[in-house]
C-alpha cells in the first residue's frame, strides 16, 4: 500500500515537472515578436485623437524626453523606450520615471531576456514598452530613463502613444502596431541570411468616404543617412518632402516621421511595407495609422529663434532653430529647411506640433568656403500645410561669417615613401584638398604651380636617402606639411648600384621606419641596443674565462 502511494506521488511529481515549460528567451536576431511584421497591439475608434510624440535621437543616460498631451481623457497609452545594448550577450538594467512616477525597473538580459514587455533583436537592440494609461495626464509630462550594467546604455529615443477622448473631438479610427524587426543584409562577415522586408498590416474595413485625413506615423532605430531605404503604403512609395529613397536618414539613429496617406487608403487590407534597401541594419519598431473625419485645421508656423555657433569650413556645423505653432490647430508631418545663400543645405522633419507649442530642430551645414553667407530657416518650406498666414514662415535672414581653420590636405602620389630609385632626378606629384582657392605649394622650398587640385615638380636627388618635403598654405594662412623618404643609388661618379633584392627590402623598410620614428621610440631603441651589447659582452667574457681554464 505504502509502495503504491509512493509510486503515485512520484508519478504526479513527474507530471508536474513535465508540465512546467522552461523559460524561453524573448529574443530573436531577425526580430521579436515577429521577424517580418509589426503586430497590431491596439485598434479602435475614438471621439478625440491619437497623440504620438518623441525623439530626440541617440543620447546618454539619464535621458529626458518631454511630452505635451492634449486635453481629454486618456483611454490607452504606451511609453516606448529604445536602448542600445552593444552586444546580445551584454546585460544591464533600465529604470524609468514617467510623470513623476517610478515605473518597474527591468533587468535586460539580451539573448536570454524573458521580460514580456521587452523586444530584443540583432546585436542587442532593445525596444521596451510600458503601459502608462493610468499615469498619462493632459499637459506637460517628462520621461527620464536611466540605464546601467554591461550594456552600452545609450538611448535611441523615447516615444509616447496616447489615445484620448474629448467631448467635442472629431471621430478617429486608429491602428497601433509595434515590434522590433531587424532588417539586415548578410552582415559585415557574410554570416547571416538576409532579412530585407517587413510589413505592418491594418486589418479591417474602412469607409473611405467618411474620412477626410489619414496619417501614417513610423519610428525606426539604427537608420543611417546616405544609405537608401524605402517605405510603401498600399504599394505607393512614400516621400519625406523631396526625399523618397532614404526615409531613415537621421544622423542620430532615430527616425520619427508622419506621412499623409489619405490618397492611398483602401476599403480593406491597408498595410505599410518597410524595405531595407542599402542599409546595413534597420529596425522599424512602430507604425500608427489614424483616420480623421475632419481635415487638418488652421495652424500657423513661425521660426521664433535660430542659434548659430561659430562656423568653420571643412567641418559639420550644427545650427538649431525653434519652430512655433501660433495658429488655432495642431500641425502634422511637415519639414523645415536651412537655406544658405538661397540654397537648401539641410532639412528637418517635425511629426506634430500642438497649438502654442514649439520644437527645436537641428540642421547641419558643412561650408565649402570661408567668408560671409546669408542664412535663414523656413518652416514648412515645401508648403504642405494650410496655414492662417503663409508669409511668416521664415526668420529674418542672418549674415554669418565662416572661419577657415582647416589646413590643406596633402597627398603625395608619387614617389612612394621608402622607394629606391636608380636615377638622380625624380618627378614628385600629388593633390591638394582645401576649402580655399588661394593655395601655395612648395616642394623642398621651391614653388609649384597648381593645376586644379593637382601639382607636380622635378626634384634632384643625391646619393643615399633624400627627404622630399611638401608644404601647402591656404588663403587663411593654415599650413600643412607632408614628406617622403626616397633612396637614390646613383653615386657622385655617375655610376649606380643595382636595385636591392626582394630579401633585402625588409631590412630597408625597417631602416626607413627607424629613420622616421619619433625621438622617444629612437631613444628606447638605443637603450635596447645598449642592453643587448652589454649582455653579449658579459657572455663573451664568461665563455673566454671558461675557455682559459
Protein backbone atom coordinates (compact mmCIF):
# COMPACT_ATOMS: atom_id res chain seq x y z
CA UNK A 1 0.00 0.00 0.00
CA UNK A 2 2.76 2.40 1.00
CA UNK A 3 4.63 1.44 -2.16
CA UNK A 4 1.61 2.25 -4.34
CA UNK A 5 1.14 5.63 -2.59
CA UNK A 6 4.83 6.39 -3.07
CA UNK A 7 4.62 5.40 -6.76
CA UNK A 8 1.52 7.57 -7.28
CA UNK A 9 3.21 10.58 -5.67
CA UNK A 10 6.29 10.04 -7.82
CA UNK A 11 4.19 9.90 -11.00
CA UNK A 12 2.29 13.07 -10.02
CA UNK A 13 5.55 14.86 -9.24
CA UNK A 14 6.99 13.81 -12.61
CA UNK A 15 3.90 15.04 -14.44
CA UNK A 16 4.11 18.39 -12.65
CA UNK A 17 7.77 18.71 -13.64
CA UNK A 18 7.00 17.88 -17.26
CA UNK A 19 4.11 20.36 -17.32
CA UNK A 20 6.40 23.27 -16.42
CA UNK A 21 7.91 24.67 -19.61
CA UNK A 22 11.42 26.09 -19.46
CA UNK A 23 11.71 29.87 -19.87
CA UNK A 24 12.14 30.83 -23.50
CA UNK A 25 14.16 33.95 -24.24
CA UNK A 26 12.17 36.85 -25.70
CA UNK A 27 14.90 37.42 -28.28
CA UNK A 28 15.44 36.71 -31.95
CA UNK A 29 18.26 38.08 -34.09
CA UNK A 30 15.91 38.82 -37.01
CA UNK A 31 13.21 40.42 -34.88
CA UNK A 32 10.82 39.98 -31.98
CA UNK A 33 7.96 39.13 -31.58
CA UNK A 34 7.94 38.67 -35.38
CA UNK A 35 10.86 38.67 -37.79
CA UNK A 36 8.94 40.28 -40.63
CA UNK A 37 5.99 42.10 -39.13
CA UNK A 38 4.96 44.77 -36.65
CA UNK A 39 1.98 43.28 -34.82
CA UNK A 40 -1.25 45.09 -34.02
CA UNK A 41 -1.45 45.87 -30.29
CA UNK A 42 -4.42 48.26 -30.27
CA UNK A 43 -7.17 49.14 -32.70
CA UNK A 44 -10.41 51.07 -32.36
CA UNK A 45 -12.20 54.36 -32.81
CA UNK A 46 -12.47 57.33 -30.51
CA UNK A 47 -14.03 60.76 -30.42
CA UNK A 48 -10.85 62.63 -29.78
CA UNK A 49 -7.44 61.74 -31.17
CA UNK A 50 -4.21 59.78 -31.07
CA UNK A 51 -1.22 61.64 -29.64
CA UNK A 52 2.21 60.47 -30.84
CA UNK A 53 5.40 62.28 -29.95
CA UNK A 54 9.02 61.61 -29.03
CA UNK A 55 12.62 61.75 -30.06
CA UNK A 56 15.28 63.04 -29.99
CA UNK A 57 17.95 60.65 -31.13
CA UNK A 58 20.89 58.84 -29.56
CA UNK A 59 21.89 60.22 -26.17
CA UNK A 60 23.49 59.25 -22.90
CA UNK A 61 21.75 58.09 -19.74
CA UNK A 62 19.97 59.67 -17.92
CA UNK A 63 17.88 60.60 -20.94
CA UNK A 64 14.94 63.03 -20.65
CA UNK A 65 12.09 63.34 -23.15
CA UNK A 66 9.28 65.89 -22.77
CA UNK A 67 5.69 65.49 -23.97
CA UNK A 68 2.59 67.70 -24.06
CA UNK A 69 -0.59 65.62 -24.10
CA UNK A 70 -3.81 67.29 -25.41
CA UNK A 71 -6.85 67.86 -23.22
CA UNK A 72 -9.12 64.84 -22.79
CA UNK A 73 -9.48 61.51 -21.02
CA UNK A 74 -6.68 59.07 -21.84
CA UNK A 75 -8.14 55.70 -22.84
CA UNK A 76 -4.91 53.88 -23.77
CA UNK A 77 -1.24 54.81 -23.58
CA UNK A 78 2.13 53.17 -24.07
CA UNK A 79 5.56 54.60 -23.43
CA UNK A 80 8.29 53.17 -25.67
CA UNK A 81 11.99 53.21 -24.84
CA UNK A 82 14.81 52.31 -27.25
CA UNK A 83 18.12 51.16 -25.71
CA UNK A 84 21.41 50.10 -27.30
CA UNK A 85 22.94 47.06 -25.60
CA UNK A 86 26.17 46.87 -27.60
CA UNK A 87 26.16 43.06 -27.79
CA UNK A 88 23.42 40.49 -27.46
CA UNK A 89 25.37 38.90 -24.58
CA UNK A 90 25.53 42.12 -22.54
CA UNK A 91 23.24 42.53 -19.53
CA UNK A 92 22.09 45.53 -17.57
CA UNK A 93 19.04 47.38 -16.30
CA UNK A 94 16.73 50.22 -17.26
CA UNK A 95 14.81 52.45 -14.85
CA UNK A 96 12.10 54.88 -15.97
CA UNK A 97 10.36 57.76 -14.23
CA UNK A 98 7.26 58.94 -16.10
CA UNK A 99 5.10 61.84 -14.97
CA UNK A 100 6.93 61.77 -11.61
CA UNK A 101 6.12 58.08 -11.06
CA UNK A 102 8.80 55.39 -10.96
CA UNK A 103 7.97 52.52 -13.29
CA UNK A 104 9.21 48.96 -12.87
CA UNK A 105 13.00 48.62 -13.16
CA UNK A 106 13.76 45.94 -15.75
CA UNK A 107 16.74 43.64 -15.89
CA UNK A 108 17.82 43.40 -19.51
CA UNK A 109 19.32 40.00 -20.36
CA UNK A 110 19.99 40.31 -24.08
CA UNK A 111 19.59 36.99 -25.89
CA UNK A 112 18.33 35.43 -22.61
CA UNK A 113 15.73 38.12 -21.89
CA UNK A 114 12.30 36.91 -20.73
CA UNK A 115 10.58 40.23 -19.93
CA UNK A 116 7.18 40.20 -21.59
CA UNK A 117 7.40 43.90 -22.47
CA UNK A 118 10.93 43.81 -23.92
CA UNK A 119 11.58 43.22 -27.62
CA UNK A 120 15.25 42.43 -28.21
CA UNK A 121 16.88 41.65 -31.56
CA UNK A 122 20.11 41.95 -33.57
CA UNK A 123 23.28 42.64 -31.54
CA UNK A 124 21.37 43.90 -28.51
CA UNK A 125 18.85 46.45 -29.80
CA UNK A 126 16.02 46.86 -27.26
CA UNK A 127 12.54 48.28 -27.83
CA UNK A 128 10.72 48.33 -24.50
CA UNK A 129 7.14 49.34 -23.74
CA UNK A 130 5.31 50.32 -20.56
CA UNK A 131 1.55 50.55 -20.03
CA UNK A 132 1.13 54.13 -18.79
CA UNK A 133 -2.61 54.53 -19.35
CA UNK A 134 -3.27 55.31 -15.67
CA UNK A 135 -0.33 57.68 -15.39
CA UNK A 136 -0.79 59.81 -18.51
CA UNK A 137 -2.42 63.19 -17.97
CA UNK A 138 -3.01 66.17 -20.23
CA UNK A 139 -0.37 68.85 -20.30
CA UNK A 140 3.43 68.69 -19.96
CA UNK A 141 4.94 65.31 -18.96
CA UNK A 142 8.57 64.23 -18.67
CA UNK A 143 10.05 60.75 -19.04
CA UNK A 144 13.52 60.16 -17.57
CA UNK A 145 15.34 56.93 -18.46
CA UNK A 146 18.46 55.67 -16.66
CA UNK A 147 20.46 52.62 -17.75
CA UNK A 148 23.26 50.70 -16.03
CA UNK A 149 25.25 47.48 -16.24
CA UNK A 150 27.34 45.92 -19.01
CA UNK A 151 25.09 47.21 -21.78
CA UNK A 152 26.22 50.20 -23.80
CA UNK A 153 23.28 52.04 -22.24
CA UNK A 154 22.78 54.84 -24.74
CA UNK A 155 19.20 55.67 -25.68
CA UNK A 156 17.84 55.73 -29.22
CA UNK A 157 14.74 57.66 -28.19
CA UNK A 158 11.56 57.67 -26.13
CA UNK A 159 8.06 57.75 -27.68
CA UNK A 160 4.59 58.18 -26.15
CA UNK A 161 1.43 56.97 -27.91
CA UNK A 162 -1.82 58.01 -26.20
CA UNK A 163 -5.42 57.56 -27.33
CA UNK A 164 -7.56 60.29 -25.75
CA UNK A 165 -11.25 61.14 -25.74
CA UNK A 166 -12.77 64.62 -25.69
CA UNK A 167 -16.43 65.66 -25.83
CA UNK A 168 -16.11 67.98 -28.82
CA UNK A 169 -13.45 65.96 -30.65
CA UNK A 170 -13.59 64.53 -34.15
CA UNK A 171 -14.10 60.83 -34.85
CA UNK A 172 -10.81 58.99 -35.31
CA UNK A 173 -10.19 55.37 -36.28
CA UNK A 174 -6.75 54.06 -35.44
CA UNK A 175 -4.37 51.09 -35.57
CA UNK A 176 -1.23 50.80 -33.41
CA UNK A 177 1.39 48.20 -34.43
CA UNK A 178 4.72 47.61 -32.71
CA UNK A 179 7.63 45.18 -32.52
CA UNK A 180 11.36 45.16 -33.20
CA UNK A 181 12.16 43.81 -36.66
CA UNK A 182 15.84 43.66 -37.57
CA UNK A 183 16.15 44.29 -41.29
CA UNK A 184 19.68 43.47 -42.39
CA UNK A 185 21.92 42.19 -45.14
CA UNK A 186 24.40 39.34 -44.85
CA UNK A 187 26.32 41.19 -42.15
CA UNK A 188 29.86 42.50 -42.37
CA UNK A 189 31.19 38.94 -42.09
CA UNK A 190 28.62 37.50 -44.51
CA UNK A 191 27.32 35.07 -41.90
CA UNK A 192 23.59 35.90 -41.95
CA UNK A 193 20.74 35.18 -44.32
CA UNK A 194 19.23 38.50 -45.36
CA UNK A 195 16.05 39.90 -43.80
CA UNK A 196 15.09 42.77 -46.08
CA UNK A 197 11.35 43.45 -45.75
CA UNK A 198 8.71 43.88 -43.04
CA UNK A 199 5.05 44.87 -43.01
CA UNK A 200 2.54 46.46 -40.67
CA UNK A 201 -1.00 45.31 -41.54
CA UNK A 202 -4.01 47.41 -40.54
CA UNK A 203 -6.83 44.86 -40.63
CA UNK A 204 -10.49 45.63 -41.07
CA UNK A 205 -12.72 47.54 -43.45
CA UNK A 206 -12.68 51.29 -43.92
CA UNK A 207 -15.45 53.63 -45.01
CA UNK A 208 -13.21 55.63 -47.33
CA UNK A 209 -15.91 58.28 -47.94
CA UNK A 210 -16.18 59.02 -44.23
CA UNK A 211 -12.63 60.22 -43.58
CA UNK A 212 -11.05 63.47 -44.73
CA UNK A 213 -7.50 62.88 -43.48
CA UNK A 214 -5.21 59.90 -42.92
CA UNK A 215 -1.78 59.87 -41.28
CA UNK A 216 0.82 57.13 -41.05
CA UNK A 217 3.45 57.61 -38.34
CA UNK A 218 6.52 55.34 -38.26
CA UNK A 219 9.54 55.03 -35.99
CA UNK A 220 12.90 53.48 -36.94
CA UNK A 221 16.03 52.74 -34.93
CA UNK A 222 19.62 52.50 -36.29
CA UNK A 223 18.99 54.20 -39.64
CA UNK A 224 21.96 55.72 -41.48
CA UNK A 225 21.85 58.81 -43.70
CA UNK A 226 23.04 58.23 -47.26
CA UNK A 227 22.02 54.55 -47.32
CA UNK A 228 18.77 54.09 -49.21
CA UNK A 229 15.70 52.50 -47.63
CA UNK A 230 12.07 52.65 -48.72
CA UNK A 231 8.60 52.93 -47.21
CA UNK A 232 5.39 52.00 -49.03
CA UNK A 233 1.73 52.32 -48.14
CA UNK A 234 -0.50 50.02 -50.18
CA UNK A 235 2.36 49.73 -52.71
CA UNK A 236 2.66 53.51 -53.09
CA UNK A 237 6.14 54.82 -52.31
CA UNK A 238 6.05 57.47 -49.59
CA UNK A 239 8.28 60.54 -49.60
CA UNK A 240 9.58 62.74 -46.81
CA UNK A 241 9.38 66.05 -48.66
CA UNK A 242 11.59 65.55 -51.71
CA UNK A 243 13.26 62.52 -50.13
CA UNK A 244 11.73 59.27 -51.37
CA UNK A 245 14.70 56.91 -51.15
CA UNK A 246 16.24 57.41 -47.70
CA UNK A 247 13.41 57.56 -45.18
CA UNK A 248 15.54 56.55 -42.15
CA UNK A 249 18.06 59.31 -42.71
CA UNK A 250 18.64 60.81 -39.27
CA UNK A 251 22.24 61.19 -38.13
CA UNK A 252 21.11 60.25 -34.63
CA UNK A 253 19.98 56.64 -35.36
CA UNK A 254 16.35 57.53 -34.57
CA UNK A 255 13.69 58.44 -37.14
CA UNK A 256 10.15 59.57 -36.27
CA UNK A 257 8.10 60.57 -39.32
CA UNK A 258 4.49 61.19 -40.28
CA UNK A 259 3.04 60.88 -43.80
CA UNK A 260 -0.23 61.99 -45.38
CA UNK A 261 -1.77 58.82 -46.90
CA UNK A 262 -5.37 59.89 -47.50
CA UNK A 263 -4.99 59.41 -51.26
CA UNK A 264 -3.84 55.79 -50.81
CA UNK A 265 -6.44 54.44 -48.32
CA UNK A 266 -8.22 51.27 -49.46
CA UNK A 267 -11.52 49.83 -48.25
CA UNK A 268 -9.64 46.92 -46.63
CA UNK A 269 -6.24 45.28 -46.22
CA UNK A 270 -4.29 48.51 -45.75
CA UNK A 271 -0.64 47.97 -44.95
CA UNK A 272 2.75 49.65 -44.69
CA UNK A 273 5.85 47.95 -46.10
CA UNK A 274 9.40 48.66 -44.93
CA UNK A 275 12.25 47.80 -47.33
CA UNK A 276 15.90 47.59 -46.26
CA UNK A 277 17.47 48.89 -49.47
CA UNK A 278 21.19 49.62 -48.94
CA UNK A 279 21.03 49.90 -45.15
CA UNK A 280 23.25 47.54 -43.13
CA UNK A 281 20.82 47.32 -40.19
CA UNK A 282 17.44 49.00 -39.84
CA UNK A 283 14.81 48.47 -37.12
CA UNK A 284 11.21 49.54 -37.80
CA UNK A 285 9.60 49.46 -34.35
CA UNK A 286 6.32 51.38 -34.53
CA UNK A 287 3.61 52.07 -37.12
CA UNK A 288 0.43 54.01 -36.29
CA UNK A 289 -2.35 54.64 -38.81
CA UNK A 290 -5.06 57.18 -37.89
CA UNK A 291 -8.08 58.19 -39.98
CA UNK A 292 -9.82 61.50 -39.24
CA UNK A 293 -13.27 62.78 -40.13
CA UNK A 294 -12.08 66.39 -40.13
CA UNK A 295 -9.43 67.89 -42.35
CA UNK A 296 -6.32 69.31 -40.79
CA UNK A 297 -7.17 72.66 -39.25
CA UNK A 298 -5.56 76.08 -39.25
CA UNK A 299 -2.02 76.03 -37.96
CA UNK A 300 0.44 78.91 -38.22
CA UNK A 301 4.13 78.06 -38.19
CA UNK A 302 6.86 80.55 -37.39
CA UNK A 303 10.59 80.46 -36.71
CA UNK A 304 11.00 82.05 -33.30
CA UNK A 305 14.73 81.58 -32.80
CA UNK A 306 17.86 80.50 -34.70
CA UNK A 307 21.03 79.63 -32.77
CA UNK A 308 24.22 79.84 -34.84
CA UNK A 309 27.57 78.72 -33.36
CA UNK A 310 31.00 79.77 -34.60
CA UNK A 311 31.10 78.34 -38.12
CA UNK A 312 34.11 76.62 -39.67
CA UNK A 313 34.85 75.46 -43.18
CA UNK A 314 35.53 71.77 -43.68
CA UNK A 315 33.57 70.92 -40.53
CA UNK A 316 29.96 69.83 -39.99
CA UNK A 317 28.33 72.69 -38.10
CA UNK A 318 25.03 72.33 -36.21
CA UNK A 319 22.51 75.18 -36.40
CA UNK A 320 19.44 74.97 -34.13
CA UNK A 321 16.08 76.57 -34.85
CA UNK A 322 12.90 76.83 -32.78
CA UNK A 323 9.68 76.29 -34.75
CA UNK A 324 6.46 77.53 -33.09
CA UNK A 325 2.78 76.96 -33.87
CA UNK A 326 0.83 80.15 -33.15
CA UNK A 327 -2.30 79.01 -35.01
CA UNK A 328 -5.62 77.53 -33.93
CA UNK A 329 -4.95 73.83 -34.64
CA UNK A 330 -2.08 71.34 -34.46
CA UNK A 331 0.19 70.78 -37.47
CA UNK A 332 1.23 67.28 -38.50
CA UNK A 333 4.02 65.95 -40.69
CA UNK A 334 5.91 68.95 -42.11
CA UNK A 335 9.51 69.89 -42.82
CA UNK A 336 11.69 72.88 -42.07
CA UNK A 337 14.74 73.77 -44.14
CA UNK A 338 18.00 75.64 -43.63
CA UNK A 339 18.83 77.96 -46.52
CA UNK A 340 22.32 79.32 -47.15
CA UNK A 341 22.75 81.83 -49.96
CA UNK A 342 19.30 80.87 -51.32
CA UNK A 343 20.05 77.13 -51.45
CA UNK A 344 18.67 74.39 -49.17
CA UNK A 345 21.58 72.75 -47.34
CA UNK A 346 19.70 70.76 -44.69
CA UNK A 347 16.14 69.74 -43.72
CA UNK A 348 14.46 68.54 -40.53
CA UNK A 349 11.16 66.69 -40.09
CA UNK A 350 8.55 67.56 -37.46
CA UNK A 351 5.87 64.94 -36.89
CA UNK A 352 3.46 67.07 -34.87
CA UNK A 353 3.32 70.47 -33.24
CA UNK A 354 0.49 71.41 -30.90
CA UNK A 355 -1.03 74.88 -30.63
CA UNK A 356 1.11 77.39 -28.69
CA UNK A 357 3.97 74.89 -28.52
CA UNK A 358 7.41 74.88 -30.07
CA UNK A 359 10.09 72.40 -31.02
CA UNK A 360 13.80 72.88 -31.53
CA UNK A 361 15.28 71.10 -34.53
CA UNK A 362 18.90 70.77 -35.64
CA UNK A 363 20.30 71.40 -39.09
CA UNK A 364 23.79 70.54 -40.31
CA UNK A 365 25.93 72.51 -42.73
CA UNK A 366 29.47 71.88 -43.98
CA UNK A 367 30.59 75.14 -45.66
CA UNK A 368 32.86 74.80 -48.66
CA UNK A 369 34.28 78.32 -48.44
CA UNK A 370 35.10 80.94 -45.85
CA UNK A 371 33.69 84.45 -45.60
CA UNK A 372 30.17 85.88 -45.38
CA UNK A 373 26.99 83.91 -46.10
CA UNK A 374 23.28 84.72 -45.75
CA UNK A 375 21.36 82.14 -43.70
CA UNK A 376 17.70 81.62 -42.80
CA UNK A 377 15.29 78.86 -41.69
CA UNK A 378 12.00 78.17 -43.45
CA UNK A 379 9.19 76.29 -41.62
CA UNK A 380 7.03 74.15 -43.94
CA UNK A 381 9.39 75.07 -46.77
CA UNK A 382 7.62 72.80 -49.31
CA UNK A 383 4.23 74.36 -48.42
CA UNK A 384 2.41 71.21 -47.28
CA UNK A 385 0.35 72.88 -44.54
CA UNK A 386 -2.63 75.20 -44.99
CA UNK A 387 -1.81 77.99 -42.55
CA UNK A 388 -3.56 81.09 -41.25
CA UNK A 389 -0.61 83.11 -42.53
CA UNK A 390 1.75 81.92 -45.24
CA UNK A 391 4.27 84.77 -45.17
CA UNK A 392 5.67 84.39 -41.65
CA UNK A 393 7.41 81.03 -42.09
CA UNK A 394 10.99 82.35 -42.11
CA UNK A 395 13.20 84.22 -39.70
CA UNK A 396 14.90 87.49 -40.60
CA UNK A 397 17.91 86.41 -42.73
CA UNK A 398 21.21 86.42 -40.86
CA UNK A 399 24.60 87.36 -42.25
CA UNK A 400 27.14 84.92 -40.83
CA UNK A 401 30.89 84.67 -41.16
CA UNK A 402 32.56 81.33 -41.78
CA UNK A 403 36.09 80.89 -40.47
CA UNK A 404 38.67 78.70 -42.15
CA UNK A 405 40.74 76.87 -39.53
CA UNK A 406 41.17 73.76 -41.65
CA UNK A 407 44.67 73.15 -43.05
CA UNK A 408 45.09 71.82 -46.57
CA UNK A 409 45.13 68.06 -47.08
CA UNK A 410 48.26 66.99 -48.96
CA UNK A 411 48.50 63.70 -50.82
CA UNK A 412 51.87 62.64 -52.30
CA UNK A 413 51.00 60.14 -55.01
CA UNK A 414 54.50 59.69 -56.45
CA UNK A 415 57.06 58.57 -55.33
CA UNK A 416 56.05 56.11 -52.65
CA UNK A 417 57.50 56.52 -49.20
CA UNK A 418 60.67 54.42 -48.95
CA UNK A 419 61.04 53.97 -52.70
CA UNK A 420 64.53 53.13 -54.07
CA UNK A 421 65.42 54.53 -57.49
CA UNK A 422 68.40 54.33 -59.86
CA UNK A 423 68.16 57.95 -61.02
CA UNK A 424 69.27 61.30 -59.66
CA UNK A 425 66.13 63.20 -60.74
CA UNK A 426 62.57 62.21 -59.90
CA UNK A 427 59.12 63.73 -60.55
CA UNK A 428 57.14 64.31 -57.36
CA UNK A 429 53.36 64.66 -57.79
CA UNK A 430 50.15 64.65 -55.80
CA UNK A 431 46.96 66.53 -54.92
CA UNK A 432 45.80 69.26 -52.54
CA UNK A 433 42.33 69.39 -50.93
CA UNK A 434 41.23 72.65 -49.30
CA UNK A 435 38.17 74.88 -49.00
CA UNK A 436 40.24 77.90 -50.04
CA UNK A 437 41.12 78.52 -53.68
CA UNK A 438 44.14 80.64 -52.75
CA UNK A 439 46.73 77.94 -52.06
CA UNK A 440 50.51 77.99 -52.45
CA UNK A 441 52.56 74.78 -52.64
CA UNK A 442 56.29 74.31 -52.09
CA UNK A 443 58.30 71.17 -52.82
CA UNK A 444 61.65 71.26 -51.00
CA UNK A 445 61.26 75.03 -50.76
CA UNK A 446 60.58 75.63 -54.44
CA UNK A 447 57.16 76.96 -55.52
CA UNK A 448 54.96 74.70 -57.60
CA UNK A 449 52.11 75.66 -59.93
CA UNK A 450 48.74 74.06 -59.19
CA UNK A 451 46.55 72.66 -61.95
CA UNK A 452 43.18 72.39 -60.25
CA UNK A 453 43.95 70.18 -57.26
CA UNK A 454 46.99 68.54 -58.84
CA UNK A 455 50.65 69.52 -58.61
CA UNK A 456 53.99 68.08 -59.75
CA UNK A 457 57.63 69.08 -59.70
CA UNK A 458 61.05 67.61 -60.63
CA UNK A 459 63.37 67.04 -57.68
CA UNK A 460 67.13 66.38 -57.84
CA UNK A 461 68.43 63.54 -55.68
CA UNK A 462 71.78 62.92 -54.13
CA UNK A 463 73.26 59.52 -53.37
CA UNK A 464 71.56 57.86 -50.40
CA UNK A 465 68.40 58.85 -48.59
CA UNK A 466 66.56 62.02 -49.63
CA UNK A 467 63.79 63.71 -47.68
CA UNK A 468 61.27 65.32 -50.02
CA UNK A 469 59.12 67.87 -48.17
CA UNK A 470 55.82 69.28 -49.47
CA UNK A 471 54.35 72.39 -47.81
CA UNK A 472 50.96 73.95 -48.50
CA UNK A 473 49.48 77.23 -47.19
CA UNK A 474 45.91 78.38 -47.87
CA UNK A 475 44.42 81.86 -48.00
CA UNK A 476 43.61 81.82 -44.26
CA UNK A 477 47.27 81.05 -43.50
CA UNK A 478 46.55 77.45 -42.48
CA UNK A 479 49.53 75.28 -43.33
CA UNK A 480 50.27 71.59 -43.69
CA UNK A 481 53.38 69.52 -44.34
CA UNK A 482 53.96 66.01 -45.66
CA UNK A 483 57.15 64.23 -46.66
CA UNK A 484 58.52 61.02 -48.13
CA UNK A 485 61.95 59.40 -47.99
CA UNK A 486 63.50 58.23 -51.25
CA UNK A 487 66.85 56.49 -51.71
CA UNK A 488 68.91 57.17 -54.81
CA UNK A 489 71.50 54.58 -55.89
CA UNK A 490 73.36 56.99 -58.20
CA UNK A 491 76.95 57.72 -57.00
CA UNK A 492 78.52 61.14 -57.47
CA UNK A 493 80.64 59.46 -60.14
CA UNK A 494 77.51 58.82 -62.15
CA UNK A 495 77.52 55.09 -61.62
CA UNK A 496 74.55 53.44 -59.95
CA UNK A 497 74.18 50.47 -57.67
CA UNK A 498 71.93 47.61 -58.62
CA UNK A 499 68.43 47.71 -57.17
CA UNK A 500 68.08 45.68 -53.94
CA UNK A 501 66.75 42.14 -53.92
CA UNK A 502 63.35 41.29 -52.50
CA UNK A 503 65.05 39.70 -49.48
CA UNK A 504 66.80 42.92 -48.56
CA UNK A 505 63.72 45.13 -48.91
CA UNK A 506 62.50 44.08 -45.49
CA UNK A 507 65.71 45.34 -43.92
CA UNK A 508 65.43 48.60 -45.83
CA UNK A 509 61.83 49.05 -44.74
CA UNK A 510 62.93 48.60 -41.14
CA UNK A 511 65.62 51.20 -41.64
CA UNK A 512 63.03 53.60 -43.08
CA UNK A 513 60.77 53.07 -40.11
CA UNK A 514 63.72 53.74 -37.82
CA UNK A 515 64.60 56.91 -39.73
CA UNK A 516 61.05 58.25 -39.36
CA UNK A 517 60.47 57.08 -35.80
CA UNK A 518 59.72 59.69 -33.12
CA UNK A 519 62.53 60.63 -30.79
CA UNK A 520 61.14 58.68 -27.85
CA UNK A 521 61.00 55.49 -29.97
CA UNK A 522 64.60 56.02 -31.12
CA UNK A 523 65.67 56.54 -27.54
CA UNK A 524 64.05 53.28 -26.49
CA UNK A 525 65.69 51.52 -29.43
CA UNK A 526 69.16 52.78 -28.49
CA UNK A 527 68.54 51.76 -24.91
CA UNK A 528 67.57 48.27 -26.09
CA UNK A 529 70.68 48.04 -28.29
CA UNK A 530 72.84 49.11 -25.35
CA UNK A 531 71.35 46.42 -23.14
CA UNK A 532 71.89 43.85 -25.89
CA UNK A 533 75.56 44.87 -26.28
CA UNK A 534 76.11 44.56 -22.53
CA UNK A 535 74.54 41.08 -22.47
CA UNK A 536 76.66 39.94 -25.42
CA UNK A 537 79.80 41.36 -23.78
CA UNK A 538 79.13 39.58 -20.49
CA UNK A 539 78.52 36.32 -22.34
CA UNK A 540 81.77 36.73 -24.32
CA UNK A 541 83.79 37.34 -21.14
CA UNK A 542 82.16 34.34 -19.49
CA UNK A 543 82.98 31.97 -22.34
CA UNK A 544 86.54 33.44 -22.64
CA UNK A 545 87.21 32.79 -18.97
CA UNK A 546 85.73 29.32 -19.20
CA UNK A 547 87.95 28.57 -22.19
CA UNK A 548 91.09 29.89 -20.45
CA UNK A 549 90.57 27.38 -17.67
